[in-house]
Amino acid sequence: MSPYRRDDINTKNSKVITDPKEIIKLKLASEFNKIAQKMMTDEVLNHTKLDKSDLSRIKTLNLGRFTIDRMVSLLNALGYQTEVKVKKSQAS
């Protein structure tokens, strides 16, 4: 049993993300975070030219300031390639 009191009435619901662009950004940020976790912070900042505050935003998945293109560029700066698969949707 958890030693912390939890008030279910005031607990916020998780945000459901359905926008495909946001999902792609989140996936890219997740991969970025996995890679960055294996590196020293200064090394990540040096390769990507990010500010510490922007690195913090990516780590917390606060991606409002980031585009898909920028996330791909950051992964490239760390020495990784990004591949995107395109397929026809069933609704078409």
PDB file of N, CA and C in Angstrom:
ATOM      1  N   MET A   1       0.839  -1.170   0.000  1.00  0.00           N
ATOM      2  CA  MET A   1       0.000   0.000   0.000  1.00  0.00           C
ATOM      3  C   MET A   1       0.889   1.241   0.000  1.00  0.00           C
ATOM      4  N   SER A   2       0.514   2.215  -0.796  1.00  0.00           N
ATOM      5  CA  SER A   2       1.279   3.437  -0.925  1.00  0.00           C
ATOM      6  C   SER A   2       1.172   4.282   0.339  1.00  0.00           C
ATOM      7  N   PRO A   3       2.294   4.832   0.805  1.00  0.00           N
ATOM      8  CA  PRO A   3       2.248   5.700   1.988  1.00  0.00           C
ATOM      9  C   PRO A   3       1.699   7.087   1.694  1.00  0.00           C
ATOM     10  N   TYR A   4       1.445   7.381   0.421  1.00  0.00           N
ATOM     11  CA  TYR A   4       0.966   8.689   0.028  1.00  0.00           C
ATOM     12  C   TYR A   4      -0.543   8.685  -0.137  1.00  0.00           C
ATOM     13  N   ARG A   5      -1.156   9.766   0.329  1.00  0.00           N
ATOM     14  CA  ARG A   5      -2.603   9.903   0.205  1.00  0.00           C
ATOM     15  C   ARG A   5      -2.924  10.358  -1.214  1.00  0.00           C
ATOM     16  N   ARG A   6      -3.887   9.737  -1.799  1.00  0.00           N
ATOM     17  CA  ARG A   6      -4.271  10.082  -3.170  1.00  0.00           C
ATOM     18  C   ARG A   6      -5.733  10.475  -3.184  1.00  0.00           C
ATOM     19  N   ASP A   7      -5.983  11.664  -3.700  1.00  0.00           N
ATOM     20  CA  ASP A   7      -7.343  12.173  -3.779  1.00  0.00           C
ATOM     21  C   ASP A   7      -7.826  12.005  -5.216  1.00  0.00           C
ATOM     22  N   ASP A   8      -8.549  10.927  -5.489  1.00  0.00           N
ATOM     23  CA  ASP A   8      -9.002  10.627  -6.844  1.00  0.00           C
ATOM     24  C   ASP A   8      -9.922  11.692  -7.417  1.00  0.00           C
ATOM     25  N   ILE A   9     -10.601  12.404  -6.581  1.00  0.00           N
ATOM     26  CA  ILE A   9     -11.523  13.428  -7.052  1.00  0.00           C
ATOM     27  C   ILE A   9     -10.764  14.563  -7.735  1.00  0.00           C
ATOM     28  N   ASN A  10      -9.603  14.917  -7.202  1.00  0.00           N
ATOM     29  CA  ASN A  10      -8.835  16.026  -7.749  1.00  0.00           C
ATOM     30  C   ASN A  10      -7.739  15.600  -8.720  1.00  0.00           C
ATOM     31  N   THR A  11      -7.638  14.319  -8.990  1.00  0.00           N
ATOM     32  CA  THR A  11      -6.637  13.832  -9.933  1.00  0.00           C
ATOM     33  C   THR A  11      -7.065  14.188 -11.344  1.00  0.00           C
ATOM     34  N   LYS A  12      -6.152  14.813 -12.092  1.00  0.00           N
ATOM     35  CA  LYS A  12      -6.462  15.195 -13.463  1.00  0.00           C
ATOM     36  C   LYS A  12      -6.408  13.965 -14.365  1.00  0.00           C
ATOM     37  N   ASN A  13      -7.276  13.950 -15.360  1.00  0.00           N
ATOM     38  CA  ASN A  13      -7.244  12.876 -16.350  1.00  0.00           C
ATOM     39  C   ASN A  13      -6.069  13.101 -17.290  1.00  0.00           C
ATOM     40  N   SER A  14      -5.500  12.011 -17.773  1.00  0.00           N
ATOM     41  CA  SER A  14      -4.432  12.113 -18.750  1.00  0.00           C
ATOM     42  C   SER A  14      -4.986  12.654 -20.054  1.00  0.00           C
ATOM     43  N   LYS A  15      -4.151  13.394 -20.742  1.00  0.00           N
ATOM     44  CA  LYS A  15      -4.541  13.961 -22.023  1.00  0.00           C
ATOM     45  C   LYS A  15      -4.470  12.870 -23.089  1.00  0.00           C
ATOM     46  N   VAL A  16      -5.510  12.749 -23.876  1.00  0.00           N
ATOM     47  CA  VAL A  16      -5.523  11.798 -24.979  1.00  0.00           C
ATOM     48  C   VAL A  16      -5.055  12.541 -26.222  1.00  0.00           C
ATOM     49  N   ILE A  17      -3.999  12.044 -26.832  1.00  0.00           N
ATOM     50  CA  ILE A  17      -3.436  12.697 -28.003  1.00  0.00           C
ATOM     51  C   ILE A  17      -3.834  11.905 -29.234  1.00  0.00           C
ATOM     52  N   THR A  18      -4.517  12.575 -30.151  1.00  0.00           N
ATOM     53  CA  THR A  18      -4.973  11.910 -31.368  1.00  0.00           C
ATOM     54  C   THR A  18      -4.387  12.533 -32.630  1.00  0.00           C
ATOM     55  N   ASP A  19      -3.788  13.712 -32.513  1.00  0.00           N
ATOM     56  CA  ASP A  19      -3.198  14.388 -33.667  1.00  0.00           C
ATOM     57  C   ASP A  19      -1.957  13.615 -34.115  1.00  0.00           C
ATOM     58  N   PRO A  20      -1.956  13.104 -35.340  1.00  0.00           N
ATOM     59  CA  PRO A  20      -0.812  12.315 -35.826  1.00  0.00           C
ATOM     60  C   PRO A  20       0.518  13.066 -35.760  1.00  0.00           C
ATOM     61  N   LYS A  21       0.502  14.375 -35.977  1.00  0.00           N
ATOM     62  CA  LYS A  21       1.735  15.157 -35.905  1.00  0.00           C
ATOM     63  C   LYS A  21       2.294  15.177 -34.486  1.00  0.00           C
ATOM     64  N   GLU A  22       1.420  15.320 -33.516  1.00  0.00           N
ATOM     65  CA  GLU A  22       1.857  15.326 -32.121  1.00  0.00           C
ATOM     66  C   GLU A  22       2.390  13.950 -31.718  1.00  0.00           C
ATOM     67  N   ILE A  23       1.759  12.906 -32.213  1.00  0.00           N
ATOM     68  CA  ILE A  23       2.216  11.553 -31.909  1.00  0.00           C
ATOM     69  C   ILE A  23       3.614  11.325 -32.470  1.00  0.00           C
ATOM     70  N   ILE A  24       3.855  11.785 -33.696  1.00  0.00           N
ATOM     71  CA  ILE A  24       5.191  11.652 -34.295  1.00  0.00           C
ATOM     72  C   ILE A  24       6.212  12.426 -33.474  1.00  0.00           C
ATOM     73  N   LYS A  25       5.870  13.664 -33.089  1.00  0.00           N
ATOM     74  CA  LYS A  25       6.789  14.462 -32.270  1.00  0.00           C
ATOM     75  C   LYS A  25       7.117  13.757 -30.960  1.00  0.00           C
ATOM     76  N   LEU A  26       6.107  13.183 -30.329  1.00  0.00           N
ATOM     77  CA  LEU A  26       6.328  12.477 -29.061  1.00  0.00           C
ATOM     78  C   LEU A  26       7.220  11.255 -29.248  1.00  0.00           C
ATOM     79  N   LYS A  27       7.016  10.534 -30.339  1.00  0.00           N
ATOM     80  CA  LYS A  27       7.863   9.369 -30.612  1.00  0.00           C
ATOM     81  C   LYS A  27       9.312   9.787 -30.853  1.00  0.00           C
ATOM     82  N   LEU A  28       9.495  10.865 -31.612  1.00  0.00           N
ATOM     83  CA  LEU A  28      10.845  11.361 -31.856  1.00  0.00           C
ATOM     84  C   LEU A  28      11.500  11.842 -30.562  1.00  0.00           C
ATOM     85  N   ALA A  29      10.748  12.542 -29.748  1.00  0.00           N
ATOM     86  CA  ALA A  29      11.285  13.030 -28.471  1.00  0.00           C
ATOM     87  C   ALA A  29      11.630  11.869 -27.552  1.00  0.00           C
ATOM     88  N   SER A  30      10.820  10.834 -27.578  1.00  0.00           N
ATOM     89  CA  SER A  30      11.093   9.653 -26.767  1.00  0.00           C
ATOM     90  C   SER A  30      12.410   9.000 -27.179  1.00  0.00           C
ATOM     91  N   GLU A  31      12.623   8.878 -28.481  1.00  0.00           N
ATOM     92  CA  GLU A  31      13.886   8.316 -28.981  1.00  0.00           C
ATOM     93  C   GLU A  31      15.055   9.231 -28.637  1.00  0.00           C
ATOM     94  N   PHE A  32      14.850  10.529 -28.776  1.00  0.00           N
ATOM     95  CA  PHE A  32      15.889  11.495 -28.412  1.00  0.00           C
ATOM     96  C   PHE A  32      16.279  11.312 -26.944  1.00  0.00           C
ATOM     97  N   ASN A  33      15.277  11.188 -26.084  1.00  0.00           N
ATOM     98  CA  ASN A  33      15.543  11.037 -24.655  1.00  0.00           C
ATOM     99  C   ASN A  33      16.289   9.746 -24.339  1.00  0.00           C
ATOM    100  N   LYS A  34      15.953   8.666 -25.049  1.00  0.00           N
ATOM    101  CA  LYS A  34      16.667   7.399 -24.843  1.00  0.00           C
ATOM    102  C   LYS A  34      18.149   7.548 -25.194  1.00  0.00           C
ATOM    103  N   ILE A  35      18.407   8.239 -26.298  1.00  0.00           N
ATOM    104  CA  ILE A  35      19.786   8.451 -26.742  1.00  0.00           C
ATOM    105  C   ILE A  35      20.511   9.390 -25.787  1.00  0.00           C
ATOM    106  N   ALA A  36      19.872  10.495 -25.440  1.00  0.00           N
ATOM    107  CA  ALA A  36      20.490  11.511 -24.578  1.00  0.00           C
ATOM    108  C   ALA A  36      20.780  10.980 -23.185  1.00  0.00           C
ATOM    109  N   GLN A  37      19.993  10.012 -22.747  1.00  0.00           N
ATOM    110  CA  GLN A  37      20.183   9.435 -21.414  1.00  0.00           C
ATOM    111  C   GLN A  37      21.530   8.716 -21.301  1.00  0.00           C
ATOM    112  N   LYS A  38      22.039   8.244 -22.422  1.00  0.00           N
ATOM    113  CA  LYS A  38      23.307   7.515 -22.442  1.00  0.00           C
ATOM    114  C   LYS A  38      24.506   8.445 -22.569  1.00  0.00           C
ATOM    115  N   MET A  39      24.244   9.747 -22.686  1.00  0.00           N
ATOM    116  CA  MET A  39      25.304  10.733 -22.892  1.00  0.00           C
ATOM    117  C   MET A  39      25.351  11.715 -21.733  1.00  0.00           C
ATOM    118  N   MET A  40      26.456  12.399 -21.609  1.00  0.00           N
ATOM    119  CA  MET A  40      26.568  13.480 -20.637  1.00  0.00           C
ATOM    120  C   MET A  40      25.775  14.674 -21.166  1.00  0.00           C
ATOM    121  N   THR A  41      25.158  15.428 -20.269  1.00  0.00           N
ATOM    122  CA  THR A  41      24.340  16.575 -20.662  1.00  0.00           C
ATOM    123  C   THR A  41      25.122  17.560 -21.514  1.00  0.00           C
ATOM    124  N   ASP A  42      26.349  17.870 -21.102  1.00  0.00           N
ATOM    125  CA  ASP A  42      27.160  18.824 -21.861  1.00  0.00           C
ATOM    126  C   ASP A  42      27.431  18.325 -23.278  1.00  0.00           C
ATOM    127  N   GLU A  43      27.582  17.021 -23.434  1.00  0.00           N
ATOM    128  CA  GLU A  43      27.817  16.438 -24.748  1.00  0.00           C
ATOM    129  C   GLU A  43      26.581  16.613 -25.640  1.00  0.00           C
ATOM    130  N   VAL A  44      25.398  16.375 -25.074  1.00  0.00           N
ATOM    131  CA  VAL A  44      24.150  16.557 -25.817  1.00  0.00           C
ATOM    132  C   VAL A  44      23.999  18.024 -26.225  1.00  0.00           C
ATOM    133  N   LEU A  45      24.231  18.921 -25.292  1.00  0.00           N
ATOM    134  CA  LEU A  45      24.109  20.350 -25.578  1.00  0.00           C
ATOM    135  C   LEU A  45      25.101  20.792 -26.643  1.00  0.00           C
ATOM    136  N   ASN A  46      26.311  20.268 -26.592  1.00  0.00           N
ATOM    137  CA  ASN A  46      27.340  20.628 -27.563  1.00  0.00           C
ATOM    138  C   ASN A  46      26.967  20.153 -28.964  1.00  0.00           C
ATOM    139  N   HIS A  47      26.502  18.917 -29.086  1.00  0.00           N
ATOM    140  CA  HIS A  47      26.151  18.371 -30.402  1.00  0.00           C
ATOM    141  C   HIS A  47      24.908  19.035 -31.000  1.00  0.00           C
ATOM    142  N   THR A  48      23.927  19.290 -30.173  1.00  0.00           N
ATOM    143  CA  THR A  48      22.638  19.779 -30.675  1.00  0.00           C
ATOM    144  C   THR A  48      22.522  21.300 -30.688  1.00  0.00           C
ATOM    145  N   LYS A  49      23.400  21.980 -29.960  1.00  0.00           N
ATOM    146  CA  LYS A  49      23.347  23.446 -29.815  1.00  0.00           C
ATOM    147  C   LYS A  49      22.052  23.905 -29.128  1.00  0.00           C
ATOM    148  N   LEU A  50      21.459  23.028 -28.333  1.00  0.00           N
ATOM    149  CA  LEU A  50      20.258  23.372 -27.561  1.00  0.00           C
ATOM    150  C   LEU A  50      20.646  24.181 -26.329  1.00  0.00           C
ATOM    151  N   ASP A  51      19.723  24.995 -25.848  1.00  0.00           N
ATOM    152  CA  ASP A  51      19.859  25.609 -24.531  1.00  0.00           C
ATOM    153  C   ASP A  51      19.452  24.566 -23.500  1.00  0.00           C
ATOM    154  N   LYS A  52      19.917  24.739 -22.276  1.00  0.00           N
ATOM    155  CA  LYS A  52      19.539  23.809 -21.213  1.00  0.00           C
ATOM    156  C   LYS A  52      18.022  23.774 -21.021  1.00  0.00           C
ATOM    157  N   SER A  53      17.401  24.938 -21.173  1.00  0.00           N
ATOM    158  CA  SER A  53      15.948  24.992 -20.982  1.00  0.00           C
ATOM    159  C   SER A  53      15.220  24.192 -22.060  1.00  0.00           C
ATOM    160  N   ASP A  54      15.717  24.240 -23.302  1.00  0.00           N
ATOM    161  CA  ASP A  54      15.090  23.450 -24.370  1.00  0.00           C
ATOM    162  C   ASP A  54      15.312  21.965 -24.165  1.00  0.00           C
ATOM    163  N   LEU A  55      16.486  21.596 -23.690  1.00  0.00           N
ATOM    164  CA  LEU A  55      16.737  20.182 -23.387  1.00  0.00           C
ATOM    165  C   LEU A  55      15.783  19.705 -22.296  1.00  0.00           C
ATOM    166  N   SER A  56      15.567  20.536 -21.307  1.00  0.00           N
ATOM    167  CA  SER A  56      14.628  20.207 -20.245  1.00  0.00           C
ATOM    168  C   SER A  56      13.215  20.044 -20.794  1.00  0.00           C
ATOM    169  N   ARG A  57      12.833  20.904 -21.716  1.00  0.00           N
ATOM    170  CA  ARG A  57      11.497  20.796 -22.328  1.00  0.00           C
ATOM    171  C   ARG A  57      11.325  19.466 -23.048  1.00  0.00           C
ATOM    172  N   ILE A  58      12.361  19.053 -23.768  1.00  0.00           N
ATOM    173  CA  ILE A  58      12.272  17.768 -24.479  1.00  0.00           C
ATOM    174  C   ILE A  58      12.192  16.625 -23.479  1.00  0.00           C
ATOM    175  N   LYS A  59      12.996  16.686 -22.435  1.00  0.00           N
ATOM    176  CA  LYS A  59      12.992  15.612 -21.436  1.00  0.00           C
ATOM    177  C   LYS A  59      11.631  15.465 -20.758  1.00  0.00           C
ATOM    178  N   THR A  60      10.906  16.566 -20.606  1.00  0.00           N
ATOM    179  CA  THR A  60       9.588  16.518 -19.959  1.00  0.00           C
ATOM    180  C   THR A  60       8.452  16.428 -20.975  1.00  0.00           C
ATOM    181  N   LEU A  61       8.820  16.260 -22.248  1.00  0.00           N
ATOM    182  CA  LEU A  61       7.857  16.137 -23.355  1.00  0.00           C
ATOM    183  C   LEU A  61       6.960  17.361 -23.495  1.00  0.00           C
ATOM    184  N   ASN A  62       7.506  18.507 -23.156  1.00  0.00           N
ATOM    185  CA  ASN A  62       6.840  19.795 -23.368  1.00  0.00           C
ATOM    186  C   ASN A  62       7.292  20.279 -24.747  1.00  0.00           C
ATOM    187  N   LEU A  63       6.606  19.833 -25.796  1.00  0.00           N
ATOM    188  CA  LEU A  63       7.113  19.972 -27.157  1.00  0.00           C
ATOM    189  C   LEU A  63       6.466  21.084 -27.971  1.00  0.00           C
ATOM    190  N   GLY A  64       5.811  22.010 -27.325  1.00  0.00           N
ATOM    191  CA  GLY A  64       5.135  23.091 -28.035  1.00  0.00           C
ATOM    192  C   GLY A  64       6.059  23.925 -28.906  1.00  0.00           C
ATOM    193  N   ARG A  65       7.302  24.070 -28.523  1.00  0.00           N
ATOM    194  CA  ARG A  65       8.263  24.886 -29.272  1.00  0.00           C
ATOM    195  C   ARG A  65       9.007  24.099 -30.345  1.00  0.00           C
ATOM    196  N   PHE A  66       8.720  22.821 -30.468  1.00  0.00           N
ATOM    197  CA  PHE A  66       9.475  21.971 -31.372  1.00  0.00           C
ATOM    198  C   PHE A  66       8.610  21.470 -32.517  1.00  0.00           C
ATOM    199  N   THR A  67       9.206  21.443 -33.703  1.00  0.00           N
ATOM    200  CA  THR A  67       8.532  20.880 -34.869  1.00  0.00           C
ATOM    201  C   THR A  67       9.103  19.484 -35.123  1.00  0.00           C
ATOM    202  N   ILE A  68       8.427  18.733 -35.974  1.00  0.00           N
ATOM    203  CA  ILE A  68       8.931  17.416 -36.360  1.00  0.00           C
ATOM    204  C   ILE A  68      10.307  17.580 -37.009  1.00  0.00           C
ATOM    205  N   ASP A  69      10.424  18.569 -37.870  1.00  0.00           N
ATOM    206  CA  ASP A  69      11.683  18.833 -38.558  1.00  0.00           C
ATOM    207  C   ASP A  69      12.823  19.103 -37.577  1.00  0.00           C
ATOM    208  N   ARG A  70      12.533  19.879 -36.560  1.00  0.00           N
ATOM    209  CA  ARG A  70      13.576  20.193 -35.581  1.00  0.00           C
ATOM    210  C   ARG A  70      13.960  18.963 -34.774  1.00  0.00           C
ATOM    211  N   MET A  71      12.993  18.135 -34.434  1.00  0.00           N
ATOM    212  CA  MET A  71      13.302  16.911 -33.694  1.00  0.00           C
ATOM    213  C   MET A  71      14.186  15.979 -34.536  1.00  0.00           C
ATOM    214  N   VAL A  72      13.880  15.881 -35.828  1.00  0.00           N
ATOM    215  CA  VAL A  72      14.705  15.064 -36.727  1.00  0.00           C
ATOM    216  C   VAL A  72      16.121  15.640 -36.797  1.00  0.00           C
ATOM    217  N   SER A  73      16.235  16.959 -36.884  1.00  0.00           N
ATOM    218  CA  SER A  73      17.546  17.608 -36.933  1.00  0.00           C
ATOM    219  C   SER A  73      18.351  17.349 -35.665  1.00  0.00           C
ATOM    220  N   LEU A  74      17.686  17.346 -34.532  1.00  0.00           N
ATOM    221  CA  LEU A  74      18.373  17.078 -33.267  1.00  0.00           C
ATOM    222  C   LEU A  74      18.879  15.639 -33.210  1.00  0.00           C
ATOM    223  N   LEU A  75      18.065  14.718 -33.693  1.00  0.00           N
ATOM    224  CA  LEU A  75      18.511  13.321 -33.746  1.00  0.00           C
ATOM    225  C   LEU A  75      19.693  13.169 -34.700  1.00  0.00           C
ATOM    226  N   ASN A  76      19.641  13.866 -35.832  1.00  0.00           N
ATOM    227  CA  ASN A  76      20.762  13.844 -36.779  1.00  0.00           C
ATOM    228  C   ASN A  76      22.030  14.390 -36.128  1.00  0.00           C
ATOM    229  N   ALA A  77      21.888  15.450 -35.342  1.00  0.00           N
ATOM    230  CA  ALA A  77      23.035  16.063 -34.676  1.00  0.00           C
ATOM    231  C   ALA A  77      23.691  15.097 -33.690  1.00  0.00           C
ATOM    232  N   LEU A  78      22.911  14.151 -33.181  1.00  0.00           N
ATOM    233  CA  LEU A  78      23.456  13.147 -32.260  1.00  0.00           C
ATOM    234  C   LEU A  78      24.000  11.927 -33.007  1.00  0.00           C
ATOM    235  N   GLY A  79      23.911  11.972 -34.345  1.00  0.00           N
ATOM    236  CA  GLY A  79      24.474  10.891 -35.152  1.00  0.00           C
ATOM    237  C   GLY A  79      23.496   9.796 -35.511  1.00  0.00           C
ATOM    238  N   TYR A  80      22.213  10.081 -35.471  1.00  0.00           N
ATOM    239  CA  TYR A  80      21.184   9.087 -35.785  1.00  0.00           C
ATOM    240  C   TYR A  80      20.377   9.515 -36.996  1.00  0.00           C
ATOM    241  N   GLN A  81      19.901   8.530 -37.757  1.00  0.00           N
ATOM    242  CA  GLN A  81      19.028   8.789 -38.892  1.00  0.00           C
ATOM    243  C   GLN A  81      17.588   8.519 -38.476  1.00  0.00           C
ATOM    244  N   THR A  82      16.669   9.173 -39.148  1.00  0.00           N
ATOM    245  CA  THR A  82      15.247   8.986 -38.881  1.00  0.00           C
ATOM    246  C   THR A  82      14.581   8.490 -40.157  1.00  0.00           C
ATOM    247  N   GLU A  83      13.776   7.460 -40.028  1.00  0.00           N
ATOM    248  CA  GLU A  83      13.026   6.935 -41.163  1.00  0.00           C
ATOM    249  C   GLU A  83      11.541   7.066 -40.870  1.00  0.00           C
ATOM    250  N   VAL A  84      10.790   7.452 -41.892  1.00  0.00           N
ATOM    251  CA  VAL A  84       9.346   7.578 -41.759  1.00  0.00           C
ATOM    252  C   VAL A  84       8.695   6.621 -42.745  1.00  0.00           C
ATOM    253  N   LYS A  85       7.766   5.860 -42.262  1.00  0.00           N
ATOM    254  CA  LYS A  85       7.050   4.902 -43.114  1.00  0.00           C
ATOM    255  C   LYS A  85       5.686   5.504 -43.442  1.00  0.00           C
ATOM    256  N   VAL A  86       5.321   5.472 -44.716  1.00  0.00           N
ATOM    257  CA  VAL A  86       4.040   6.010 -45.167  1.00  0.00           C
ATOM    258  C   VAL A  86       3.198   4.860 -45.703  1.00  0.00           C
ATOM    259  N   LYS A  87       1.953   4.801 -45.254  1.00  0.00           N
ATOM    260  CA  LYS A  87       1.068   3.782 -45.782  1.00  0.00           C
ATOM    261  C   LYS A  87      -0.333   4.372 -45.917  1.00  0.00           C
ATOM    262  N   LYS A  88      -1.097   3.784 -46.805  1.00  0.00           N
ATOM    263  CA  LYS A  88      -2.450   4.255 -47.063  1.00  0.00           C
ATOM    264  C   LYS A  88      -3.335   3.930 -45.863  1.00  0.00           C
ATOM    265  N   SER A  89      -4.130   4.924 -45.477  1.00  0.00           N
ATOM    266  CA  SER A  89      -5.033   4.693 -44.350  1.00  0.00           C
ATOM    267  C   SER A  89      -6.252   3.906 -44.810  1.00  0.00           C
ATOM    268  N   GLN A  90      -6.910   3.255 -43.905  1.00  0.00           N
ATOM    269  CA  GLN A  90      -8.072   2.437 -44.246  1.00  0.00           C
ATOM    270  C   GLN A  90      -9.287   3.293 -44.545  1.00  0.00           C
ATOM    271  N   ALA A  91      -9.283   4.539 -44.093  1.00  0.00           N
ATOM    272  CA  ALA A  91     -10.439   5.416 -44.301  1.00  0.00           C
ATOM    273  C   ALA A  91     -10.531   5.909 -45.743  1.00  0.00           C
ATOM    274  N   SER A  92      -9.425   5.877 -46.481  1.00  0.00           N
ATOM    275  CA  SER A  92      -9.413   6.405 -47.863  1.00  0.00           C
ATOM    276  C   SER A  92     -10.036   5.452 -48.844  1.00  0.00           C
TER     277      SER A  92
END
